[in-house]
Protein backbone atom coordinates (compact mmCIF):
# COMPACT_ATOMS: atom_id res chain seq x y z
CA MET A 1 59.02 136.53 162.30
CA HIS A 2 61.52 135.58 164.96
CA ASN A 3 63.50 133.46 162.47
CA VAL A 4 63.75 136.41 160.10
CA LEU A 5 64.94 138.67 162.93
CA TYR A 6 67.63 136.21 164.01
CA LYS A 7 68.86 135.83 160.41
CA VAL A 8 69.10 139.61 160.03
CA LEU A 9 71.04 139.88 163.30
CA ALA A 10 73.34 137.03 162.29
CA LEU A 11 74.08 138.75 158.98
CA CYS A 12 74.84 141.99 160.82
CA ALA A 13 77.26 140.10 163.08
CA VAL A 14 79.05 138.52 160.12
CA LEU A 15 79.42 141.88 158.38
CA PHE A 16 80.54 143.57 161.60
CA LEU A 17 83.15 140.99 162.47
CA GLY A 18 84.27 140.49 158.88
CA ALA A 19 84.96 144.19 158.41
CA SER A 20 86.93 144.48 161.61
CA ARG A 21 88.98 141.32 161.06
CA ALA A 22 90.73 143.04 158.18
CA ASP A 23 92.54 145.08 160.86
CA TRP A 24 93.69 142.02 162.81
CA ARG A 25 97.26 140.87 162.68
CA SER A 26 98.76 137.46 163.26
CA ASP A 27 101.67 138.84 165.31
CA VAL A 28 99.61 139.65 168.40
CA PHE A 29 101.14 138.88 171.81
CA PHE A 30 100.22 139.45 175.40
CA ALA A 31 102.46 141.90 177.25
CA ASP A 32 105.88 140.56 178.25
CA GLU A 33 105.72 139.31 181.84
CA SER A 34 109.15 140.72 182.62
CA SER A 35 107.75 144.24 182.22
CA ASN A 36 104.79 143.59 184.49
CA GLU A 37 104.89 145.40 187.83
CA ARG A 38 104.25 142.23 189.76
CA ARG A 39 107.62 140.93 188.51
CA VAL A 40 109.43 143.64 190.44
CA ASP A 41 110.89 142.19 193.63
CA ASN A 42 109.60 144.99 195.78
CA SER A 43 106.99 144.03 198.34
CA GLY A 44 107.83 146.94 200.61
CA ASP A 45 105.65 148.44 203.27
CA SER A 46 102.02 148.67 202.28
CA PHE A 47 98.68 148.47 204.02
CA ASP A 48 97.06 145.12 204.87
CA GLU A 49 93.48 146.19 204.19
CA VAL A 50 91.26 149.24 203.89
CA LEU A 51 87.48 149.73 203.85
CA ILE A 52 86.09 152.62 201.80
CA THR A 53 82.58 153.63 202.90
CA PRO A 54 81.05 156.04 200.38
CA PRO A 55 78.09 158.32 201.21
CA THR A 56 75.55 156.11 199.40
CA ASP A 57 73.01 153.52 200.52
CA GLN A 58 74.62 150.83 198.38
CA CYS A 59 77.73 150.38 196.25
CA HIS A 60 78.99 147.59 194.04
CA CYS A 61 81.47 146.43 191.40
CA SER A 62 84.82 148.01 192.28
CA SER A 63 87.76 148.27 189.91
CA ILE A 64 91.30 149.39 190.74
CA ALA A 65 94.36 150.54 188.82
CA PRO A 66 97.88 151.38 190.04
CA LEU A 67 99.04 154.96 189.62
CA PRO A 68 102.65 155.88 188.75
CA ASP A 69 103.31 157.10 192.30
CA GLY A 70 102.29 153.75 193.85
CA LYS A 71 98.82 154.83 194.93
CA LEU A 72 95.69 152.94 193.86
CA PHE A 73 92.88 154.55 191.88
CA VAL A 74 89.56 152.92 192.79
CA VAL A 75 86.16 153.22 191.07
CA TRP A 76 82.73 151.68 191.70
CA TYR A 77 79.07 152.58 191.28
CA GLY A 78 76.79 153.59 194.12
CA GLY A 79 73.28 154.84 194.79
CA THR A 80 70.12 153.91 196.63
CA ARG A 81 70.29 150.43 195.04
CA GLU A 82 71.61 148.55 192.02
CA GLY A 83 70.02 149.89 188.85
CA ALA A 84 68.68 153.02 190.54
CA LYS A 85 68.41 156.21 188.51
CA ASP A 86 70.56 158.02 191.08
CA ALA A 87 73.50 155.61 190.73
CA ARG A 88 76.79 157.36 190.02
CA ILE A 89 80.34 156.29 189.31
CA TYR A 90 82.51 157.09 192.33
CA ALA A 91 86.28 157.24 192.68
CA ALA A 92 88.86 157.37 195.47
CA THR A 93 92.63 157.24 195.86
CA VAL A 94 94.33 154.90 198.35
CA ASP A 95 97.94 155.50 199.38
CA LYS A 96 100.43 152.93 200.66
CA SER A 97 99.44 153.56 204.26
CA GLY A 98 95.86 152.50 203.48
CA THR A 99 94.39 156.00 203.65
CA ALA A 100 91.52 156.53 201.25
CA SER A 101 91.13 160.12 200.11
CA ASP A 102 89.19 162.25 197.67
CA VAL A 103 86.09 160.01 197.66
CA ARG A 104 83.89 161.65 195.06
CA PRO A 105 81.37 161.04 192.25
CA ILE A 106 82.94 161.37 188.81
CA LEU A 107 80.01 160.53 186.51
CA ASP A 108 76.21 160.48 186.60
CA ALA A 109 73.59 159.49 184.04
CA SER A 110 72.70 163.01 182.96
CA THR A 111 76.34 163.97 182.38
CA LEU A 112 76.96 160.83 180.34
CA GLY A 113 73.82 161.58 178.33
CA ARG A 114 75.08 165.06 177.50
CA HIS A 115 78.48 163.74 176.48
CA THR A 116 77.11 161.04 174.19
CA ASN A 117 73.95 162.82 173.00
CA ARG A 118 71.90 159.83 174.17
CA TYR A 119 69.22 159.26 176.76
CA VAL A 120 70.83 157.42 179.69
CA ARG A 121 68.53 155.99 182.33
CA LYS A 122 71.05 154.36 184.67
CA LEU A 123 74.73 153.52 185.13
CA GLY A 124 76.36 150.20 185.97
CA ASN A 125 79.72 148.46 186.17
CA PRO A 126 82.91 150.55 185.71
CA VAL A 127 86.36 149.20 184.79
CA VAL A 128 89.52 151.31 185.06
CA TYR A 129 92.80 150.50 183.31
CA ARG A 130 96.18 152.25 183.26
CA GLN A 131 97.96 152.33 179.92
CA GLY A 132 101.31 154.00 180.60
CA SER A 133 100.48 157.43 182.03
CA ARG A 134 96.87 157.29 180.79
CA LEU A 135 93.85 155.97 182.68
CA TRP A 136 90.99 154.48 180.69
CA LEU A 137 87.51 154.26 182.21
CA PHE A 138 84.83 152.01 180.73
CA VAL A 139 81.28 152.38 182.07
CA VAL A 140 78.08 150.42 181.48
CA SER A 141 74.94 152.43 180.80
CA VAL A 142 71.31 151.53 180.10
CA SER A 143 68.86 153.58 178.08
CA LEU A 144 65.97 151.12 177.82
CA GLY A 145 65.06 147.99 179.77
CA GLY A 146 67.39 146.14 182.11
CA TRP A 147 71.00 145.03 181.81
CA SER A 148 70.20 143.26 178.52
CA GLY A 149 69.72 146.75 177.07
CA SER A 150 73.10 148.03 178.22
CA SER A 151 75.99 149.44 176.22
CA LEU A 152 79.52 150.70 176.86
CA ASN A 153 81.00 154.16 177.15
CA TYR A 154 84.58 155.26 177.70
CA ALA A 155 86.82 158.20 178.52
CA TYR A 156 90.45 158.72 179.46
CA SER A 157 92.43 160.77 181.94
CA ASP A 158 96.00 162.00 181.59
CA ASP A 159 96.22 163.44 185.11
CA CYS A 160 95.64 160.34 187.28
CA GLY A 161 91.86 160.70 187.33
CA GLU A 162 91.66 164.36 188.30
CA SER A 163 89.83 165.17 185.05
CA TRP A 164 88.42 163.15 182.17
CA SER A 165 88.01 163.52 178.44
CA THR A 166 84.54 163.64 176.92
CA PHE A 167 82.84 160.28 177.34
CA ARG A 168 82.10 158.48 174.08
CA HIS A 169 79.67 155.73 173.22
CA LEU A 170 81.40 152.49 172.15
CA ARG A 171 79.85 150.34 169.42
CA THR A 172 80.74 146.76 170.39
CA ASN A 173 77.66 144.80 169.36
CA PRO A 174 76.08 144.50 165.89
CA SER A 175 72.71 143.61 167.48
CA PHE A 176 71.49 147.21 167.87
CA ASN A 177 74.59 147.73 170.06
CA MET A 178 72.68 146.39 173.06
CA GLY A 179 73.57 144.04 175.87
CA THR A 180 77.34 144.58 176.30
CA LEU A 181 78.79 144.94 179.80
CA VAL A 182 82.19 144.84 181.53
CA ARG A 183 83.35 143.70 184.94
CA CYS A 184 86.91 142.28 184.90
CA PRO A 185 90.44 143.65 184.40
CA VAL A 186 91.83 144.70 181.04
CA VAL A 187 94.63 142.55 179.56
CA PRO A 188 97.60 144.49 178.05
CA LEU A 189 99.21 143.56 174.74
CA GLN A 190 102.85 143.76 173.77
CA ASP A 191 102.25 146.45 171.13
CA GLY A 192 100.57 148.80 173.60
CA GLY A 193 97.06 147.73 172.73
CA PHE A 194 94.81 145.83 175.10
CA VAL A 195 91.93 143.36 175.35
CA LEU A 196 88.84 144.37 177.31
CA PRO A 197 87.01 141.28 178.64
CA ALA A 198 83.29 141.93 178.21
CA TYR A 199 80.05 139.97 177.99
CA CYS A 200 76.69 140.10 176.27
CA GLU A 201 73.21 139.69 177.74
CA PHE A 202 71.14 140.36 174.61
CA LEU A 203 69.93 137.35 172.57
CA GLY A 204 71.99 135.04 174.76
CA LYS A 205 74.66 135.33 177.44
CA PHE A 206 78.32 134.85 176.57
CA GLY A 207 81.76 136.34 177.10
CA VAL A 208 83.70 138.30 174.51
CA GLY A 209 87.18 139.74 174.15
CA VAL A 210 87.15 143.29 172.76
CA ARG A 211 90.51 144.28 171.29
CA PHE A 212 91.86 147.85 171.13
CA ASP A 213 94.99 149.18 169.43
CA SER A 214 97.61 151.30 171.17
CA ASP A 215 95.62 154.47 170.42
CA GLY A 216 92.52 153.13 172.14
CA ARG A 217 90.60 152.32 168.96
CA MET A 218 88.47 149.18 168.94
CA VAL A 219 89.55 146.70 166.25
CA ASP A 220 87.62 143.50 166.99
CA ARG A 221 85.33 141.47 169.21
CA VAL A 222 85.59 137.68 169.66
CA LYS A 223 83.28 135.29 171.51
CA ILE A 224 84.68 133.28 174.43
CA PRO A 225 82.81 129.94 174.60
CA VAL A 226 82.54 127.56 177.56
CA GLU A 227 81.87 123.84 177.69
CA GLY A 228 78.37 122.92 176.55
CA ASN A 229 77.86 126.39 175.05
CA ARG A 230 76.07 127.40 178.24
CA ALA A 231 75.22 130.90 179.34
CA ALA A 232 78.40 132.42 180.77
CA ILE A 233 79.29 136.00 181.62
CA GLN A 234 81.96 138.19 183.22
CA PRO A 235 85.13 136.59 181.79
CA CYS A 236 88.33 137.17 183.74
CA CYS A 237 91.30 136.59 181.41
CA VAL A 238 94.74 135.51 182.63
CA PRO A 239 97.73 135.36 180.23
CA LEU A 240 99.93 132.32 180.87
CA GLY A 241 102.41 133.08 178.10
CA ALA A 242 102.90 135.31 175.09
CA ARG A 243 100.04 133.67 173.19
CA ARG A 244 98.14 131.54 175.69
CA ALA A 245 95.52 132.70 178.18
CA LEU A 246 92.65 131.23 180.13
CA ALA A 247 89.33 132.97 180.71
CA PHE A 248 87.22 132.13 183.77
CA LEU A 249 83.49 132.86 183.51
CA ARG A 250 80.48 133.02 185.80
CA THR A 251 77.84 130.42 184.91
CA PRO A 252 74.29 129.80 186.21
CA GLY A 253 75.42 126.51 187.78
CA ARG A 254 77.92 125.82 190.55
CA LYS A 255 81.10 125.62 188.46
CA ILE A 256 83.42 128.13 186.80
CA GLY A 257 83.37 128.02 183.00
CA VAL A 258 86.71 128.13 181.17
CA GLY A 259 87.80 129.32 177.73
CA GLU A 260 91.31 129.18 176.27
CA THR A 261 93.20 131.07 173.59
CA LEU A 262 96.46 129.96 172.00
CA ASP A 263 96.79 132.97 169.68
CA ALA A 264 96.58 135.92 172.08
CA GLY A 265 92.82 136.27 171.77
CA LEU A 266 92.37 135.97 168.01
CA SER A 267 90.21 132.92 168.76
CA TRP A 268 88.94 131.12 171.85
CA GLN A 269 87.96 127.51 172.57
CA ALA A 270 85.96 125.96 175.40
CA ARG A 271 87.73 123.96 178.09
CA PRO A 272 86.33 121.79 180.90
CA ASP A 273 84.90 123.63 183.91
CA LEU A 274 87.03 124.07 187.00
CA PRO A 275 86.28 121.67 189.88
CA LEU A 276 85.54 124.58 192.23
CA ASP A 277 82.14 125.43 193.65
CA ASN A 278 81.30 129.03 192.78
CA PRO A 279 77.50 129.22 192.36
CA ASP A 280 76.53 131.93 189.86
CA SER A 281 79.20 134.36 191.07
CA SER A 282 81.91 136.43 189.44
CA VAL A 283 85.59 135.60 190.02
CA ALA A 284 88.98 137.29 189.89
CA ALA A 285 91.93 135.30 188.57
CA PHE A 286 95.64 136.00 188.16
CA LYS A 287 99.04 134.34 187.86
CA THR A 288 101.36 134.66 190.84
CA ILE A 289 105.05 135.49 190.74
CA ARG A 290 105.74 131.75 191.16
CA ASN A 291 103.71 130.91 188.06
CA GLN A 292 100.78 129.63 190.11
CA LEU A 293 97.24 130.31 189.07
CA ALA A 294 95.08 131.89 191.79
CA ILE A 295 91.34 132.60 191.85
CA ALA A 296 89.18 134.57 194.28
CA GLY A 297 85.53 133.55 194.40
CA ASN A 298 82.42 132.64 196.38
CA PRO A 299 82.20 128.90 197.17
CA LYS A 300 78.75 129.13 198.83
CA GLU A 301 75.30 130.32 197.85
CA GLY A 302 74.55 133.85 198.99
CA ARG A 303 78.12 135.15 198.53
CA GLY A 304 78.73 135.30 202.26
CA ARG A 305 82.08 133.52 201.97
CA LEU A 306 84.91 134.87 199.83
CA VAL A 307 88.09 132.81 199.47
CA VAL A 308 91.26 132.50 197.42
CA TRP A 309 92.15 129.21 195.76
CA ILE A 310 95.53 128.38 194.27
CA ASN A 311 96.70 125.67 191.91
CA ASP A 312 99.82 124.16 193.44
CA SER A 313 100.50 121.10 191.32
CA SER A 314 101.33 120.14 187.77
CA ASP A 315 97.66 119.25 187.29
CA ASP A 316 95.67 122.40 186.60
CA LYS A 317 92.57 120.68 187.99
CA LEU A 318 93.99 120.41 191.52
CA TRP A 319 93.34 123.39 193.77
CA LYS A 320 93.55 124.28 197.44
CA GLU A 321 92.05 127.09 199.49
CA ILE A 322 94.82 129.32 200.83
CA ALA A 323 92.91 132.27 202.30
CA VAL A 324 89.47 133.14 203.61
CA LEU A 325 88.84 136.84 203.04
CA GLU A 326 85.31 136.93 204.46
CA ASP A 327 82.90 134.43 206.00
CA SER A 328 79.54 135.68 207.27
CA ASP A 329 76.25 134.10 206.24
CA GLY A 330 73.63 136.65 205.31
CA ASP A 331 76.16 139.25 204.16
CA GLU A 332 77.56 139.81 200.68
CA PHE A 333 81.24 139.87 199.73
CA SER A 334 81.36 139.70 195.96
CA TYR A 335 82.82 140.81 192.62
CA PRO A 336 86.54 140.53 193.48
CA PHE A 337 88.93 142.53 191.29
CA ILE A 338 92.72 142.02 191.20
CA CYS A 339 95.33 144.77 190.88
CA GLU A 340 99.12 144.46 191.12
CA SER A 341 101.40 147.36 192.03
CA ASP A 342 104.97 147.72 193.32
CA GLY A 343 105.30 144.00 193.99
CA ASN A 344 102.01 143.82 195.91
CA VAL A 345 98.84 142.02 194.86
CA TYR A 346 95.57 143.67 195.92
CA VAL A 347 92.01 142.42 195.70
CA SER A 348 89.05 144.77 195.99
CA TYR A 349 85.47 143.59 196.46
CA THR A 350 81.95 144.61 197.42
CA TYR A 351 81.65 144.66 201.21
CA LYS A 352 78.05 144.08 202.34
CA ARG A 353 76.97 146.45 199.54
CA ARG A 354 77.94 149.23 201.98
CA GLY A 355 81.54 149.72 201.01
CA VAL A 356 84.56 148.68 198.97
CA LYS A 357 87.20 146.65 200.76
CA ILE A 358 90.78 146.27 199.50
CA VAL A 359 93.02 143.52 200.89
CA ASN A 360 96.74 143.00 200.27
CA LEU A 361 97.24 139.36 199.27
CA THR A 362 101.02 139.48 198.95
CA LYS A 363 101.92 137.78 202.23
CA LYS A 364 99.30 135.07 201.74
CA LEU A 365 100.69 134.33 198.31
CA ASP A 366 104.31 134.42 199.48
CA SER A 367 103.55 131.74 202.06
CA THR A 368 102.52 129.33 199.31
CA GLU A 369 105.81 128.14 197.85
CA ALA A 370 104.82 125.25 195.61
CA ARG A 371 105.39 125.86 191.93
CA VAL A 372 103.08 124.97 189.08
CA ASP A 373 104.78 123.51 186.05
CA GLY A 374 101.61 122.55 184.17
CA LEU A 375 100.54 126.14 183.55
CA LYS A 376 103.47 127.15 181.35
CA ASP A 377 102.92 128.38 177.84
CA ARG A 378 101.96 125.43 175.62
CA THR A 379 101.96 127.37 172.36
CA ASN A 380 104.29 126.61 169.45
């Protein structure tokens, strides 16, 4: 019986992917780096760090996006605990002085259920992304079971998060549309579209890249493998050229899994794991203004230590620790998320499950002057 079920699901996947691939194009490129805000030589006055403490027992999984006026729009989920029925998606705005304002819930399970005409039992990870003047918000929801029964929903805002369109249910998975989640930043494309890094926890655990066109319509979904075809989730994708990118994934072991694309996400291949200890934890990765690759992660069990590593040689397997953001055994500092705005690089993360902390990494990065030549675009 199980063999028959798997064959049916495999056929559904082939039909699903085959139909959508007709919309793919070969001239797909990641957004031009020269237009990226981090390329602007403007690291003017900005806060060093800020701690947002929402009126909930616990909060987790922050995501941040720059607004046109230089402020940061921050979202996370909070409630009595992770997976609780009372969990809501919260939002706040942080200005350049580090003042967090307008902390408020923007979505709950019942509201999402009314919008999508579905029963929604609980909410999970949110990801926010700014596409020009529009903010996109992707939210994980669960109707039945645990996170393996999750699915994605989305809405947009054209007034910097003051109001949102009707939330819609997103069909990303041919297997009963179950088990798809998000956690890491969206990757922009040159044509105005974008790739949403996502992952599946139904009938296996693996990363995927979900592609959208410039109008926000989903056009495809591609698996991101890691070495040994192990379980790997929460891919964080970093473009290193117009066609090349690396994806860094959380694995059940101590190492960070790696996938690579040489065609702007049309296909992905497994690469060797990174030689960094990061036991079963999610990471944030990005390329610095000096073409260095940097990663924020948890090098110890328990997620009580959060650090930033940087690759500062021509060998992309050589790394050094350049900053310790937190170090306190017994506490949790997890799920880092990178945002770049007005020449500043910010990382947000879960702070003891009691708040969201945002730290400005710009000065730490500027103090590391070595260049990395081995991470340049190797595509034809």
